[in-house]
Protein backbone atom coordinates (compact mmCIF):
# COMPACT_ATOMS: atom_id res chain seq x y z
CA MET A 1 6.56 21.78 -22.44
CA PRO A 2 6.60 18.26 -20.43
CA TYR A 3 5.00 18.18 -17.35
CA GLY A 4 4.10 21.89 -17.73
CA LEU A 5 6.96 23.27 -16.48
CA PRO A 6 7.20 27.35 -16.02
CA PRO A 7 8.61 29.47 -18.62
CA ASP A 8 12.76 29.21 -19.40
CA THR A 9 13.53 31.82 -17.64
CA GLU A 10 12.46 30.31 -14.17
CA GLU A 11 12.60 26.08 -14.84
CA THR A 12 16.01 26.37 -13.89
CA GLN A 13 15.40 27.44 -10.17
CA TYR A 14 13.28 24.51 -9.78
CA VAL A 15 15.86 21.83 -11.09
CA ALA A 16 19.03 23.29 -9.74
CA ASN A 17 17.04 23.97 -6.33
CA PRO A 18 14.78 21.04 -5.91
CA TRP A 19 15.59 21.35 -1.78
CA VAL A 20 14.42 25.31 -1.84
CA THR A 21 11.80 25.17 -4.44
CA PHE A 22 9.82 21.51 -3.31
CA TRP A 23 8.16 23.44 0.30
CA THR A 24 6.27 26.40 -1.56
CA ALA A 25 6.25 24.78 -5.36
CA PRO A 26 6.00 21.21 -4.54
CA ARG A 27 4.09 19.64 -7.61
CA VAL A 28 5.85 22.59 -10.52
CA THR A 29 8.78 21.27 -8.80
CA LEU A 30 8.03 17.73 -9.11
CA ASP A 31 7.65 17.99 -12.64
CA ALA A 32 11.14 19.98 -13.32
CA ILE A 33 12.36 16.82 -11.34
CA LEU A 34 10.50 14.22 -13.83
CA ALA A 35 11.85 16.06 -16.70
CA THR A 36 15.32 16.45 -15.58
CA ASN A 37 16.48 12.69 -13.66
CA PRO A 38 13.07 11.09 -11.56
CA ALA A 39 15.65 9.58 -9.72
CA ARG A 40 17.70 12.00 -8.46
CA TYR A 41 17.91 11.91 -4.70
CA LEU A 42 15.65 8.73 -4.60
CA TRP A 43 17.54 7.32 -2.03
CA ILE A 44 18.32 10.17 0.15
CA LEU A 45 15.07 10.23 0.75
CA VAL A 46 13.96 6.32 1.10
CA LEU A 47 16.66 6.84 3.13
CA PHE A 48 15.18 9.87 5.20
CA GLY A 49 11.67 8.58 5.21
CA GLY A 50 11.91 5.65 6.70
CA VAL A 51 14.98 6.49 9.39
CA SER A 52 11.48 9.36 10.22
CA ARG A 53 8.87 6.75 10.26
CA THR A 54 10.61 4.12 12.33
CA LEU A 55 11.43 6.99 14.73
CA GLY A 56 8.09 8.63 14.73
CA ARG A 57 6.95 4.70 15.83
CA ILE A 58 8.82 3.47 18.86
CA PRO A 59 7.01 5.18 21.57
CA SER A 60 3.49 3.38 19.93
CA ILE A 61 5.93 -0.31 19.77
CA PRO A 62 4.69 -2.03 22.91
CA PHE A 63 9.00 -3.41 24.22
CA GLN A 64 9.43 -5.11 27.72
CA GLU A 65 11.78 -2.69 28.91
CA PRO A 66 13.52 0.85 28.25
CA LEU A 67 15.11 1.18 24.99
CA THR A 68 18.47 1.52 25.43
CA ASP A 69 20.77 3.91 23.27
CA ASP A 70 22.19 1.15 20.89
CA MET A 71 18.51 -0.08 20.34
CA ILE A 72 17.74 2.71 19.20
CA ARG A 73 20.73 3.10 16.47
CA VAL A 74 19.83 -0.49 15.45
CA LEU A 75 15.70 0.71 14.86
CA ALA A 76 17.00 3.87 12.96
CA PHE A 77 20.42 2.69 10.57
CA LEU A 78 19.00 -0.75 9.90
CA GLY A 79 15.53 -0.64 10.49
CA GLY A 80 15.13 2.81 9.00
CA PRO A 81 16.11 2.08 5.54
CA LEU A 82 14.65 -0.86 5.57
CA LEU A 83 11.09 0.64 6.47
CA GLY A 84 11.95 3.57 3.53
CA LEU A 85 12.50 0.60 0.93
CA ILE A 86 8.87 -0.83 2.14
CA ILE A 87 7.40 2.23 1.95
CA VAL A 88 8.47 3.23 -1.72
CA PHE A 89 8.98 0.08 -4.06
CA VAL A 90 6.22 -1.82 -2.17
CA ILE A 91 3.63 0.01 -0.72
CA GLY A 92 4.40 2.71 -3.15
CA ARG A 93 4.05 0.00 -6.47
CA LEU A 94 0.48 -1.20 -4.32
CA LEU A 95 -0.60 2.05 -4.28
CA HIS A 96 0.24 2.35 -8.18
CA LEU A 97 -1.79 -0.06 -8.75
CA ILE A 98 -4.96 0.39 -7.27
CA VAL A 99 -4.71 4.14 -8.62
CA ARG A 100 -4.38 2.72 -12.03
CA ARG A 101 -7.42 0.97 -11.76
CA LEU A 102 -9.50 3.58 -10.49
CA GLY A 103 -8.76 5.69 -13.92
CA GLY A 104 -5.13 7.00 -13.44
CA THR A 105 -2.66 7.19 -16.05
CA ALA A 106 1.11 7.29 -14.61
CA THR A 107 3.71 5.15 -15.30
CA TRP A 108 5.59 3.64 -12.29
CA VAL A 109 8.09 5.55 -12.03
CA GLU A 110 6.13 8.54 -12.44
CA SER A 111 3.70 6.98 -9.04
CA ARG A 112 7.49 6.39 -7.49
CA THR A 113 9.05 9.65 -7.78
CA ALA A 114 5.61 11.10 -6.66
CA VAL A 115 5.57 8.77 -3.72
CA THR A 116 9.71 9.64 -2.53
CA TRP A 117 9.39 13.10 -2.66
CA ALA A 118 6.30 13.06 -0.70
CA LEU A 119 9.21 12.10 2.42
CA ALA A 120 10.73 15.37 1.72
CA PRO A 121 9.51 16.99 5.52
CA SER A 122 11.36 13.85 7.01
CA VAL A 123 14.46 15.12 6.22
CA PRO A 124 13.55 18.02 8.85
CA SER A 125 11.94 15.35 10.90
CA VAL A 126 14.72 13.30 11.41
CA ALA A 127 16.89 16.20 12.12
CA LEU A 128 14.41 17.47 14.95
CA TRP A 129 13.94 13.59 16.26
CA THR A 130 18.43 14.23 16.15
CA ILE A 131 18.27 16.99 17.97
CA MET A 132 15.51 15.92 20.68
CA TYR A 133 17.51 12.39 21.16
CA LEU A 134 20.47 14.86 22.65
CA SER A 135 19.25 17.50 24.60
CA TYR A 136 17.01 14.54 26.24
CA GLY A 137 18.42 11.12 25.37
CA SER A 138 15.95 7.91 24.72
CA GLN A 139 13.30 8.93 26.86
CA VAL A 140 12.15 11.01 24.37
CA PHE A 141 11.21 8.05 22.12
CA SER A 142 9.03 6.85 25.88
CA PRO A 143 5.59 7.15 25.23
CA ASP A 144 5.22 8.99 28.53
CA ALA A 145 8.36 11.35 27.76
CA ILE A 146 6.60 14.55 28.61
CA GLU A 147 4.78 12.98 31.67
CA ASN A 148 8.25 11.51 33.12
CA VAL A 149 9.38 15.05 32.77
CA ALA A 150 9.23 17.09 36.08
CA ASP A 151 10.89 20.40 34.18
CA SER A 152 7.44 22.61 33.16
CA GLY A 153 10.18 24.17 30.84
CA THR A 154 11.05 20.38 28.92
CA GLN A 155 7.26 19.92 28.92
CA LEU A 156 6.25 22.82 26.76
CA ILE A 157 9.73 22.49 24.93
CA LEU A 158 8.44 18.33 24.05
CA THR A 159 4.91 18.97 23.15
CA VAL A 160 5.50 21.52 21.10
CA ASP A 161 8.76 19.24 19.26
CA TYR A 162 6.04 16.21 19.38
CA PHE A 163 3.35 18.73 17.39
CA ILE A 164 6.05 19.33 15.10
CA GLN A 165 6.62 15.84 14.44
CA SER A 166 3.09 15.07 14.00
CA ALA A 167 2.33 17.89 11.77
CA LEU A 168 5.44 17.11 9.56
CA THR A 169 4.26 13.18 8.86
CA ILE A 170 0.44 14.16 8.36
CA TRP A 171 2.35 16.78 5.90
CA MET A 172 4.00 13.94 4.29
CA LEU A 173 0.83 11.70 3.21
CA ALA A 174 -0.97 14.67 2.45
CA LEU A 175 1.61 15.21 -0.42
CA GLU A 176 1.65 11.59 -1.41
CA ILE A 177 -1.97 12.15 -1.62
CA LEU A 178 -1.80 15.49 -4.11
CA LEU A 179 1.64 14.26 -5.68
CA LEU A 180 0.07 11.32 -7.09
CA ALA A 181 -3.18 12.87 -7.77
CA LYS A 182 -0.98 14.55 -9.94
CA VAL A 183 0.84 12.75 -12.32
CA HIS A 184 -1.94 10.26 -12.51
CA LYS A 185 -4.21 12.74 -13.47
CA VAL A 186 -6.90 11.61 -10.88
CA SER A 187 -8.77 14.21 -7.55
CA ALA A 188 -7.20 13.37 -4.62
CA TRP A 189 -10.32 11.19 -3.87
CA ARG A 190 -9.16 8.46 -5.45
CA VAL A 191 -6.20 8.50 -4.53
CA LEU A 192 -7.06 8.63 -0.73
CA GLY A 193 -9.37 6.00 -0.93
CA ALA A 194 -7.03 4.01 -2.54
CA GLU A 195 -4.91 4.96 0.48
CA ALA A 196 -7.82 3.96 2.56
CA LEU A 197 -8.19 0.32 0.33
CA LEU A 198 -5.15 -0.37 0.86
CA ALA A 199 -4.97 -0.01 4.65
CA VAL A 200 -8.08 -2.17 5.05
CA VAL A 201 -6.30 -4.88 2.76
CA SER A 202 -2.93 -4.79 5.28
CA LEU A 203 -4.88 -4.75 8.28
CA VAL A 204 -7.09 -8.20 7.21
CA PRO A 205 -4.21 -10.66 7.68
CA LEU A 206 -3.53 -9.10 11.08
CA PHE A 207 -7.04 -9.62 12.31
CA ALA A 208 -6.88 -13.11 11.00
CA LEU A 209 -3.79 -13.80 12.49
CA ALA A 210 -4.86 -12.08 15.75
CA LEU A 211 -8.09 -14.50 15.90
CA PHE A 212 -6.45 -17.40 14.97
CA MET A 213 -4.11 -16.48 18.42
CA SER A 214 -6.89 -15.62 20.54
């Protein structure tokens, strides 16, 4: 059976309910998706992945003035989808090429599907960001959000929320490494090396620009 799928008596659940099975059996679910429809939920995951990453990066952006609700919406609904496309079709493509050079055997469709489904934790991430925003307003995207809240109970809730967001981000990176390693039939260490190499190469132009402008 292609992609090492489980017996036919169990295969149906991985194909019909990937949103359920992915959390406990991500690699088997990926096999089922590759064997049936690799583009399944592609654009939904690109959208949620981009929005999640965008909202998570807002607190680290040095804005001159506090963000308004309109600015947050523009960043989320315009910048988010664009970042999602970059993650899957630019960064994902570069990772695919690097891992191939390191001995990987996957096709681009397999790599794209792995990178896309590694964004699955972005769905609960966006849901949590939405709850935080509706509950506490735009201050949740401030780097000093916890310090700016006087109530100790709210501080604790925000601390837990940010911890969950950090855990989901780490989970997405771990899934990307593990799923790419699976489809390329290489060790996770090789994929991690490819991630590190891409990060270094990406920082070189920024470092050169900083030196030029200093």
